[in-house]
Amino acid sequence: MAHVTHVAIIGGGPGGYEAALVARRLGADVTLVEKTGIGGSTVLTDCVPSKTLIATSDFLTEVAGAAELGVQVPREIKADMAAVNARVTSLAEAQSGDIAQKVREAGTRVVDGTAVVAGPSQVEVESGGTRETIDADAILVATGAHPRVSPDAMPDGERILTWEQLYGLTTLPEHLVVVGSGVTGAEFASAYNGLGVRVTLVSSRDRVLPGEDEDAANLIEDVFRRRGMEVLGRSRMQSVVRDGDTVTVTLTDGRTVEGSHCLLALGSIPNTAGLGLEEAGVRLDDGGFVKVDKVSRTHARGIYAAGDCTGVLMLASVAAEQGRIAMSHLLGDAVHPLDLRKMSSNIFTSPEIATVGLSEKAIQEQGMLVDVASYPLASNARAKMQGIHDGFVKLFARRGVGTVVGGVIVGPRASELVHVLSLAVSSSLTADQVAGAFTVYPSLSGSVAEAARHLHTTL
């Protein structure tokens, strides 16, 4: 689109604020409309708060293993939930403020309010009781998503909770029942288990994290059970009701689970209703997600979309990349279309699961011939020093070529270790090249090189 001078962005999460920064850097005027705070749910109620909570849980998990390292803990150490959540919310608000300052300093006009799309080049904004029509050359919709609930399990914000409501707790739950074993459910189940809470995880599938690498998911479920968590597989929730301080989860097979609190981790619904999108020519799928192409364009000329409202891959990093790509494409800068085959992601359970590139399932479905190497962290010298027993590195390389097309790392701080594999996949490096790069001894990253060495074949 030629001669773009003004971009309107609806939503200030990663997709929105990263798009604003790129658009300003490329010379466009930008108006960003956000109703709850810059950073959106990612910063204020989702990713930043949950990972802050998990950091506390991970610390307690490490302390619990201190005796193995020869350290005697003189007394029981436990979390002060009020203090933990006060830190969580304070850190989230500070992060939101930091991002807002950065966006404003870049020259973006930030409007605290709500907006609807009035057409391909107009946005209607309501802020503080006043209405304003913004004429824009292009629009980016980055409105995110919100937790899915069920009419048979309505949250009350006290005992029956969505993941956005957990941070109001001032005392540790006696028994937390987590409904849903996807990424969100598994992360919070792991976190509260680490905080010393009795946890029951209700999974409608035959294993936790059904969409993830099977070896990784099986290891995590085994760790959960060893740490005292009750995992109910193939158990679908029928209803959740509260009676005083007791919450009862009824399963479809008639069984019941009683707890003090219940976390509903049932997935997300896109924030696309009532935005005027379809009237403007934007197409939505059956779930209400905005349909976009690999450069974030919708079917309506001049309207782009990024982040969870598109349902492409509901990660903050993907949202940010979609927003950056959208503005680069719109404003004529060099652009690389979104390629999910090279994306990395992380699940912040304990231990973490980091993945990049093609999964083993995707490889099998495509009929691609690969060589697979897996190396256990328990064999790593640094892991032994740190008392790490659970985890592995697994690599996939194209047979006969050696190019690394995917990988999985399970272990503490896997999110940090996976970057080298991300570079390998994005740059089409061979396993021999990964193995040939020097690693520190002893280090956990040495296991990445060791797994790569197992993929070496002589010609």
Protein backbone atom coordinates (compact mmCIF):
# COMPACT_ATOMS: atom_id res chain seq x y z
CA MET A 1 0.00 0.00 0.00
CA ALA A 2 1.64 3.23 -1.16
CA HIS A 3 1.83 6.52 0.74
CA VAL A 4 0.73 5.19 4.11
CA THR A 5 1.01 7.94 6.70
CA HIS A 6 -1.30 6.88 9.55
CA VAL A 7 -1.84 3.46 11.10
CA ALA A 8 -4.53 2.71 13.70
CA ILE A 9 -3.87 -0.22 16.02
CA ILE A 10 -6.59 -1.79 18.16
CA GLY A 11 -5.02 -3.64 21.08
CA GLY A 12 -1.82 -2.98 22.98
CA GLY A 13 -0.52 -6.49 23.56
CA PRO A 14 2.67 -7.82 21.92
CA GLY A 15 1.11 -7.81 18.46
CA GLY A 16 -0.03 -4.22 18.87
CA TYR A 17 2.87 -2.55 20.63
CA GLU A 18 5.55 -4.27 18.54
CA ALA A 19 3.67 -3.20 15.41
CA ALA A 20 3.54 0.36 16.72
CA LEU A 21 7.30 0.43 17.27
CA VAL A 22 8.01 -0.87 13.77
CA ALA A 23 5.53 1.52 12.14
CA ARG A 24 7.06 4.51 13.91
CA ARG A 25 10.56 3.40 12.99
CA LEU A 26 9.43 3.25 9.35
CA GLY A 27 7.98 6.76 9.50
CA ALA A 28 4.23 6.28 9.93
CA ASP A 29 2.04 8.12 12.41
CA VAL A 30 0.48 5.64 14.81
CA THR A 31 -2.56 5.70 17.08
CA LEU A 32 -2.79 2.74 19.44
CA VAL A 33 -6.04 2.09 21.33
CA GLU A 34 -5.90 -0.13 24.42
CA LYS A 35 -8.57 -0.48 27.11
CA THR A 36 -6.77 -2.21 30.00
CA GLY A 37 -3.08 -1.28 29.77
CA ILE A 38 -0.20 -1.51 27.34
CA GLY A 39 1.07 -5.06 27.20
CA GLY A 40 -2.47 -6.42 27.18
CA SER A 41 -3.36 -9.69 28.85
CA THR A 42 0.11 -11.09 28.05
CA VAL A 43 1.72 -8.66 30.47
CA LEU A 44 -1.10 -7.97 32.93
CA THR A 45 -3.00 -11.23 33.41
CA ASP A 46 -1.34 -14.04 31.47
CA CYS A 47 2.27 -14.67 30.44
CA VAL A 48 4.20 -12.26 32.69
CA PRO A 49 2.20 -12.98 35.87
CA SER A 50 2.13 -16.75 35.35
CA LYS A 51 5.85 -17.00 34.70
CA THR A 52 6.56 -14.80 37.73
CA LEU A 53 4.51 -17.19 39.84
CA ILE A 54 6.33 -20.12 38.26
CA ALA A 55 9.70 -18.54 39.14
CA THR A 56 8.72 -18.68 42.82
CA SER A 57 7.54 -22.26 42.44
CA ASP A 58 10.78 -23.27 40.68
CA PHE A 59 12.81 -21.77 43.52
CA LEU A 60 10.91 -23.83 46.08
CA THR A 61 11.37 -26.95 43.93
CA GLU A 62 15.12 -26.35 43.91
CA VAL A 63 15.16 -25.83 47.68
CA ALA A 64 13.29 -29.11 48.10
CA GLY A 65 16.23 -30.87 46.46
CA ALA A 66 18.87 -29.10 48.54
CA ALA A 67 19.68 -32.14 50.68
CA GLU A 68 20.94 -33.99 47.59
CA LEU A 69 23.51 -31.22 47.13
CA GLY A 70 24.64 -31.46 50.74
CA VAL A 71 22.65 -28.48 51.99
CA GLN A 72 20.49 -28.85 55.09
CA VAL A 73 17.48 -26.54 55.18
CA PRO A 74 16.93 -25.76 58.88
CA ARG A 75 13.17 -25.37 58.70
CA GLU A 76 10.24 -25.76 56.36
CA ILE A 77 10.17 -23.13 53.65
CA LYS A 78 6.79 -22.22 52.20
CA ALA A 79 5.30 -19.54 50.03
CA ASP A 80 3.42 -16.53 51.41
CA MET A 81 0.68 -16.39 48.79
CA ALA A 82 -0.30 -12.81 49.54
CA ALA A 83 3.31 -11.67 49.14
CA VAL A 84 3.84 -13.82 46.04
CA ASN A 85 0.78 -12.44 44.27
CA ALA A 86 1.56 -8.90 45.37
CA ARG A 87 4.93 -9.29 43.66
CA VAL A 88 3.29 -10.86 40.62
CA THR A 89 0.86 -7.99 40.08
CA SER A 90 3.44 -5.33 40.91
CA LEU A 91 5.91 -6.74 38.41
CA ALA A 92 3.21 -7.01 35.71
CA GLU A 93 2.16 -3.40 36.22
CA ALA A 94 5.77 -2.24 36.14
CA GLN A 95 6.39 -4.15 32.91
CA SER A 96 3.26 -2.60 31.39
CA GLY A 97 4.51 0.84 32.40
CA ASP A 98 7.94 0.21 30.89
CA ILE A 99 6.44 -0.84 27.56
CA ALA A 100 4.00 2.08 27.55
CA GLN A 101 6.86 4.51 28.10
CA LYS A 102 8.84 2.95 25.27
CA VAL A 103 5.87 3.14 22.90
CA ARG A 104 5.11 6.77 23.78
CA GLU A 105 8.76 7.80 23.53
CA ALA A 106 8.78 6.34 20.01
CA GLY A 107 6.07 8.88 19.12
CA THR A 108 2.96 6.69 19.22
CA ARG A 109 -0.29 8.31 20.32
CA VAL A 110 -1.80 6.00 22.94
CA VAL A 111 -5.52 6.22 23.65
CA ASP A 112 -7.00 4.56 26.74
CA GLY A 113 -10.32 3.25 25.49
CA THR A 114 -12.16 0.86 23.21
CA ALA A 115 -12.42 0.83 19.45
CA VAL A 116 -14.43 -0.70 16.64
CA VAL A 117 -13.69 -0.89 12.94
CA ALA A 118 -16.04 1.44 11.06
CA GLY A 119 -14.58 0.55 7.67
CA PRO A 120 -11.29 -0.19 5.92
CA SER A 121 -10.00 3.27 6.82
CA GLN A 122 -11.90 4.32 9.94
CA VAL A 123 -11.85 3.40 13.61
CA GLU A 124 -14.46 4.60 16.10
CA VAL A 125 -12.91 5.15 19.53
CA GLU A 126 -14.61 5.67 22.88
CA SER A 127 -12.41 7.02 25.65
CA GLY A 128 -13.49 8.53 28.95
CA GLY A 129 -17.05 9.06 27.77
CA THR A 130 -16.05 10.82 24.57
CA ARG A 131 -16.16 9.48 21.04
CA GLU A 132 -13.68 10.04 18.26
CA THR A 133 -13.42 8.92 14.67
CA ILE A 134 -9.88 8.13 13.54
CA ASP A 135 -9.16 8.17 9.84
CA ALA A 136 -6.31 5.83 9.06
CA ASP A 137 -4.62 4.51 5.96
CA ALA A 138 -4.45 1.04 7.51
CA ILE A 139 -5.72 -0.79 10.58
CA LEU A 140 -4.15 -3.54 12.67
CA VAL A 141 -6.46 -5.61 14.88
CA ALA A 142 -4.60 -7.12 17.84
CA THR A 143 -7.36 -7.61 20.39
CA GLY A 144 -6.20 -10.92 21.90
CA ALA A 145 -8.41 -13.52 23.54
CA HIS A 146 -9.98 -14.32 26.89
CA PRO A 147 -10.45 -17.52 28.94
CA ARG A 148 -13.17 -19.89 27.83
CA VAL A 149 -15.73 -20.81 30.49
CA SER A 150 -18.63 -23.23 30.61
CA PRO A 151 -22.23 -22.58 31.69
CA ASP A 152 -21.80 -25.66 33.89
CA ALA A 153 -18.66 -24.27 35.51
CA MET A 154 -18.98 -20.53 35.93
CA PRO A 155 -16.09 -18.81 37.74
CA ASP A 156 -16.86 -16.76 40.84
CA GLY A 157 -13.40 -15.24 41.23
CA GLU A 158 -12.95 -16.76 44.68
CA ARG A 159 -13.04 -20.55 44.55
CA ILE A 160 -13.83 -21.28 40.90
CA LEU A 161 -11.26 -19.38 38.88
CA THR A 162 -9.90 -18.66 35.43
CA TRP A 163 -6.14 -18.20 35.11
CA GLU A 164 -6.68 -14.42 35.07
CA GLN A 165 -8.26 -14.56 38.54
CA LEU A 166 -5.66 -16.61 40.39
CA TYR A 167 -3.61 -13.59 41.38
CA GLY A 168 -6.27 -12.42 43.81
CA LEU A 169 -5.55 -15.36 46.14
CA THR A 170 -4.01 -14.38 49.48
CA THR A 171 -3.65 -17.89 50.90
CA LEU A 172 -2.46 -21.13 49.35
CA PRO A 173 -5.30 -23.42 48.23
CA GLU A 174 -5.59 -26.58 50.31
CA HIS A 175 -6.48 -28.63 47.25
CA LEU A 176 -6.49 -27.17 43.74
CA VAL A 177 -8.37 -29.05 41.04
CA VAL A 178 -7.15 -28.03 37.60
CA VAL A 179 -9.55 -28.78 34.76
CA GLY A 180 -7.70 -28.99 31.46
CA SER A 181 -4.27 -30.50 30.76
CA GLY A 182 -3.15 -28.33 27.87
CA VAL A 183 -0.31 -25.87 28.24
CA THR A 184 -2.09 -23.51 30.65
CA GLY A 185 -3.46 -26.28 32.85
CA ALA A 186 -0.16 -28.14 32.97
CA GLU A 187 1.84 -25.00 33.79
CA PHE A 188 -0.40 -23.98 36.70
CA ALA A 189 -0.71 -27.54 37.98
CA SER A 190 3.09 -27.76 38.00
CA ALA A 191 3.46 -24.34 39.64
CA TYR A 192 1.03 -24.96 42.49
CA ASN A 193 2.42 -28.43 43.05
CA GLY A 194 5.82 -26.78 43.46
CA LEU A 195 4.31 -24.31 45.92
CA GLY A 196 3.32 -27.24 48.12
CA VAL A 197 -0.36 -27.37 47.19
CA ARG A 198 -2.22 -30.64 46.75
CA VAL A 199 -3.14 -30.70 43.06
CA THR A 200 -5.49 -32.86 41.02
CA LEU A 201 -5.23 -32.45 37.26
CA VAL A 202 -8.30 -33.44 35.25
CA SER A 203 -7.41 -34.37 31.68
CA SER A 204 -9.96 -35.34 29.05
CA ARG A 205 -7.22 -36.99 26.99
CA ASP A 206 -5.13 -40.09 27.64
CA ARG A 207 -2.12 -37.98 28.69
CA VAL A 208 -1.25 -34.44 29.69
CA LEU A 209 -0.14 -31.98 27.00
CA PRO A 210 -1.74 -34.03 24.22
CA GLY A 211 -0.54 -31.66 21.51
CA GLU A 212 3.13 -31.82 22.48
CA ASP A 213 5.99 -34.22 21.84
CA GLU A 214 4.91 -37.60 23.22
CA ASP A 215 8.20 -38.38 24.96
CA ALA A 216 8.23 -34.96 26.60
CA ALA A 217 4.60 -35.18 27.71
CA ASN A 218 5.07 -38.66 29.16
CA LEU A 219 8.11 -37.49 31.11
CA ILE A 220 6.23 -34.49 32.52
CA GLU A 221 3.29 -36.65 33.58
CA ASP A 222 5.67 -39.06 35.28
CA VAL A 223 7.30 -36.14 37.14
CA PHE A 224 3.88 -34.83 38.15
CA ARG A 225 2.91 -38.18 39.67
CA ARG A 226 6.26 -38.63 41.45
CA ARG A 227 5.84 -35.22 43.04
CA GLY A 228 2.47 -36.18 44.47
CA MET A 229 0.08 -34.78 41.89
CA GLU A 230 -3.01 -36.81 41.07
CA VAL A 231 -3.53 -36.97 37.31
CA LEU A 232 -6.94 -38.15 36.11
CA GLY A 233 -6.60 -39.17 32.47
CA ARG A 234 -9.55 -39.63 30.11
CA SER A 235 -11.72 -37.73 32.57
CA ARG A 236 -13.98 -35.06 31.13
CA MET A 237 -15.55 -32.40 33.33
CA GLN A 238 -19.33 -32.23 33.43
CA SER A 239 -19.81 -29.46 35.99
CA VAL A 240 -18.17 -27.48 38.78
CA VAL A 241 -20.19 -26.21 41.74
CA ARG A 242 -19.27 -24.47 44.98
CA ASP A 243 -20.72 -25.07 48.41
CA GLY A 244 -19.09 -22.74 50.92
CA ASP A 245 -15.38 -23.50 51.01
CA THR A 246 -15.72 -26.70 48.98
CA VAL A 247 -15.67 -26.99 45.22
CA THR A 248 -16.98 -30.18 43.61
CA VAL A 249 -15.96 -31.18 40.10
CA THR A 250 -18.29 -33.77 38.61
CA LEU A 251 -16.95 -35.89 35.75
CA THR A 252 -19.01 -37.25 32.89
CA ASP A 253 -18.53 -40.82 34.18
CA GLY A 254 -20.22 -39.88 37.46
CA ARG A 255 -17.11 -39.56 39.63
CA THR A 256 -16.60 -36.44 41.71
CA VAL A 257 -13.48 -34.62 42.89
CA GLU A 258 -13.69 -32.26 45.86
CA GLY A 259 -11.21 -29.46 46.40
CA SER A 260 -10.89 -26.07 47.99
CA HIS A 261 -10.41 -24.33 44.63
CA CYS A 262 -10.84 -25.12 40.94
CA LEU A 263 -8.89 -23.63 38.06
CA LEU A 264 -10.61 -23.72 34.70
CA ALA A 265 -8.09 -24.08 31.87
CA LEU A 266 -10.51 -24.73 29.03
CA GLY A 267 -8.86 -22.77 26.25
CA SER A 268 -9.39 -19.28 24.87
CA ILE A 269 -11.98 -17.31 22.90
CA PRO A 270 -10.85 -14.55 20.51
CA ASN A 271 -11.84 -10.98 21.32
CA THR A 272 -13.44 -10.32 17.93
CA ALA A 273 -17.15 -9.99 18.71
CA GLY A 274 -18.67 -6.55 18.33
CA LEU A 275 -15.65 -5.02 16.58
CA GLY A 276 -17.38 -4.52 13.22
CA LEU A 277 -14.89 -6.80 11.52
CA GLU A 278 -17.21 -8.79 9.29
CA GLU A 279 -19.05 -5.64 8.26
CA ALA A 280 -15.68 -4.27 7.12
CA GLY A 281 -15.01 -7.36 5.03
CA VAL A 282 -12.78 -9.23 7.49
CA ARG A 283 -13.41 -12.97 7.46
CA LEU A 284 -13.61 -14.99 10.67
CA ASP A 285 -13.45 -18.76 11.05
CA ASP A 286 -16.05 -20.83 12.88
CA GLY A 287 -14.33 -20.14 16.21
CA GLY A 288 -14.38 -16.37 15.68
CA PHE A 289 -10.66 -16.10 14.89
CA VAL A 290 -9.55 -13.63 12.22
CA LYS A 291 -8.32 -15.29 9.05
CA VAL A 292 -4.91 -13.95 8.00
CA ASP A 293 -2.19 -14.84 5.54
CA LYS A 294 1.52 -15.20 6.32
CA VAL A 295 2.08 -11.43 6.28
CA SER A 296 -0.89 -10.81 8.61
CA ARG A 297 -3.30 -9.49 5.97
CA THR A 298 -7.02 -10.12 6.38
CA HIS A 299 -9.40 -10.43 3.45
CA ALA A 300 -10.24 -6.73 3.77
CA ARG A 301 -7.81 -4.43 1.99
CA GLY A 302 -5.90 -2.25 4.43
CA ILE A 303 -6.81 -4.29 7.51
CA TYR A 304 -4.23 -6.53 9.18
CA ALA A 305 -4.49 -8.70 12.31
CA ALA A 306 -1.98 -10.14 14.75
CA GLY A 307 -1.86 -12.20 17.92
CA ASP A 308 -4.28 -14.48 19.70
CA CYS A 309 -7.31 -13.06 17.88
CA THR A 310 -5.96 -14.82 14.76
CA GLY A 311 -5.49 -18.21 16.47
CA VAL A 312 -2.38 -18.86 14.35
CA LEU A 313 -0.27 -19.97 17.30
CA MET A 314 -1.25 -18.43 20.61
CA LEU A 315 2.15 -17.31 21.86
CA ALA A 316 3.34 -13.82 22.76
CA SER A 317 6.40 -14.26 20.54
CA VAL A 318 4.23 -15.18 17.55
CA ALA A 319 1.91 -12.24 18.19
CA ALA A 320 4.88 -9.88 18.28
CA GLU A 321 6.30 -11.32 15.07
CA GLN A 322 2.93 -11.07 13.32
CA GLY A 323 2.70 -7.41 14.29
CA ARG A 324 6.21 -6.65 13.09
CA ILE A 325 5.63 -8.51 9.82
CA ALA A 326 2.35 -6.68 9.24
CA MET A 327 3.93 -3.24 9.50
CA SER A 328 6.99 -4.17 7.46
CA HIS A 329 4.74 -5.46 4.70
CA LEU A 330 2.38 -2.50 4.91
CA LEU A 331 5.12 0.13 4.86
CA GLY A 332 7.29 -1.42 2.18
CA ASP A 333 10.17 -2.71 4.27
CA ALA A 334 11.90 -6.04 3.69
CA VAL A 335 9.68 -8.76 5.09
CA HIS A 336 9.92 -12.48 5.72
CA PRO A 337 6.49 -14.16 5.89
CA LEU A 338 5.64 -16.00 9.09
CA ASP A 339 7.05 -19.52 8.98
CA LEU A 340 5.74 -21.68 11.80
CA ARG A 341 8.13 -24.45 10.76
CA LYS A 342 10.90 -22.39 12.30
CA MET A 343 9.10 -21.16 15.40
CA SER A 344 10.31 -22.01 18.89
CA SER A 345 8.08 -22.26 21.93
CA ASN A 346 8.30 -23.23 25.57
CA ILE A 347 6.05 -24.79 28.20
CA PHE A 348 6.99 -23.56 31.67
CA THR A 349 6.33 -26.71 33.63
CA SER A 350 9.02 -28.08 35.93
CA PRO A 351 11.02 -29.22 34.04
CA GLU A 352 10.37 -27.01 31.03
CA ILE A 353 9.62 -28.26 27.52
CA ALA A 354 11.13 -26.25 24.66
CA THR A 355 10.46 -27.09 21.03
CA VAL A 356 11.50 -25.66 17.69
CA GLY A 357 10.77 -26.48 14.08
CA LEU A 358 8.88 -29.55 12.97
CA SER A 359 7.51 -31.92 15.58
CA GLU A 360 7.94 -35.67 15.32
CA LYS A 361 4.23 -35.99 14.57
CA ALA A 362 4.38 -33.41 11.77
CA ILE A 363 7.42 -35.16 10.30
CA GLN A 364 5.57 -38.47 10.25
CA GLU A 365 2.45 -36.90 8.71
CA GLN A 366 4.56 -35.33 5.95
CA GLY A 367 6.36 -38.59 5.26
CA MET A 368 9.71 -36.88 5.70
CA LEU A 369 12.68 -39.18 6.23
CA VAL A 370 14.70 -38.09 9.25
CA ASP A 371 17.27 -39.41 11.66
CA VAL A 372 16.44 -38.96 15.33
CA ALA A 373 18.85 -38.67 18.23
CA SER A 374 17.92 -38.38 21.89
CA TYR A 375 20.33 -37.73 24.74
CA PRO A 376 19.31 -37.83 28.42
CA LEU A 377 20.31 -34.93 30.68
CA ALA A 378 21.03 -37.43 33.44
CA SER A 379 24.21 -38.32 31.51
CA ASN A 380 25.38 -34.71 31.48
CA ALA A 381 28.11 -33.78 34.00
CA ARG A 382 26.62 -30.37 34.83
CA ALA A 383 23.20 -31.95 35.34
CA LYS A 384 24.71 -34.40 37.81
CA MET A 385 26.37 -31.52 39.70
CA GLN A 386 23.05 -29.71 39.95
CA GLY A 387 21.01 -32.75 40.90
CA ILE A 388 19.05 -32.77 37.64
CA HIS A 389 17.60 -36.18 36.83
CA ASP A 390 14.73 -35.51 34.40
CA GLY A 391 15.09 -34.26 30.86
CA PHE A 392 16.56 -34.89 27.44
CA VAL A 393 17.57 -33.32 24.15
CA LYS A 394 16.04 -34.74 20.98
CA LEU A 395 16.97 -33.67 17.46
CA PHE A 396 15.50 -34.40 14.03
CA ALA A 397 17.75 -34.16 10.96
CA ARG A 398 16.86 -34.88 7.34
CA ARG A 399 18.22 -38.24 6.31
CA GLY A 400 21.04 -38.04 3.81
CA VAL A 401 21.34 -34.27 4.15
CA GLY A 402 21.77 -33.77 7.87
CA THR A 403 19.84 -30.49 8.05
CA VAL A 404 18.27 -29.96 11.47
CA VAL A 405 14.50 -29.55 10.98
CA GLY A 406 13.32 -29.71 14.59
CA GLY A 407 14.18 -30.41 18.17
CA VAL A 408 12.88 -30.84 21.70
CA ILE A 409 14.63 -29.97 24.95
CA VAL A 410 13.18 -31.00 28.31
CA GLY A 411 14.93 -29.69 31.39
CA PRO A 412 15.44 -26.72 33.71
CA ARG A 413 15.66 -23.45 31.72
CA ALA A 414 14.99 -25.28 28.47
CA SER A 415 13.68 -21.95 27.20
CA GLU A 416 17.26 -20.65 27.34
CA LEU A 417 18.88 -23.75 25.85
CA VAL A 418 16.60 -23.94 22.80
CA HIS A 419 17.99 -20.81 21.15
CA VAL A 420 20.90 -22.66 19.59
CA LEU A 421 18.44 -25.11 18.01
CA SER A 422 16.32 -22.19 16.83
CA LEU A 423 19.36 -20.78 15.06
CA ALA A 424 20.09 -24.19 13.56
CA VAL A 425 16.56 -24.63 12.21
CA SER A 426 16.16 -21.06 10.95
CA SER A 427 19.59 -21.13 9.26
CA SER A 428 19.28 -24.70 7.89
CA LEU A 429 22.40 -25.84 9.72
CA THR A 430 23.39 -29.49 9.67
CA ALA A 431 23.73 -31.64 12.75
CA ASP A 432 27.49 -31.76 12.10
CA GLN A 433 27.64 -27.96 12.19
CA VAL A 434 25.75 -27.90 15.50
CA ALA A 435 28.04 -30.57 16.90
CA GLY A 436 31.13 -28.75 15.66
CA ALA A 437 30.38 -25.51 17.51
CA PHE A 438 32.30 -25.39 20.78
CA THR A 439 30.39 -25.70 24.04
CA VAL A 440 31.54 -25.01 27.57
CA TYR A 441 32.41 -27.99 29.74
CA PRO A 442 30.60 -28.69 31.94
CA SER A 443 27.34 -27.20 30.70
CA LEU A 444 23.80 -28.31 29.98
CA SER A 445 24.20 -26.93 26.45
CA GLY A 446 26.82 -29.62 25.93
CA SER A 447 23.94 -32.09 25.65
CA VAL A 448 22.72 -30.30 22.53
CA ALA A 449 26.08 -30.86 20.87
CA GLU A 450 26.18 -34.45 22.12
CA ALA A 451 22.78 -35.21 20.61
CA ALA A 452 23.94 -33.65 17.35
CA ARG A 453 27.07 -35.84 17.36
CA HIS A 454 24.83 -38.88 17.52
CA LEU A 455 23.40 -37.84 14.16
CA HIS A 456 26.75 -37.91 12.39
CA THR A 457 26.97 -40.38 9.53
CA THR A 458 30.07 -41.28 7.55
CA LEU A 459 29.97 -40.88 3.81
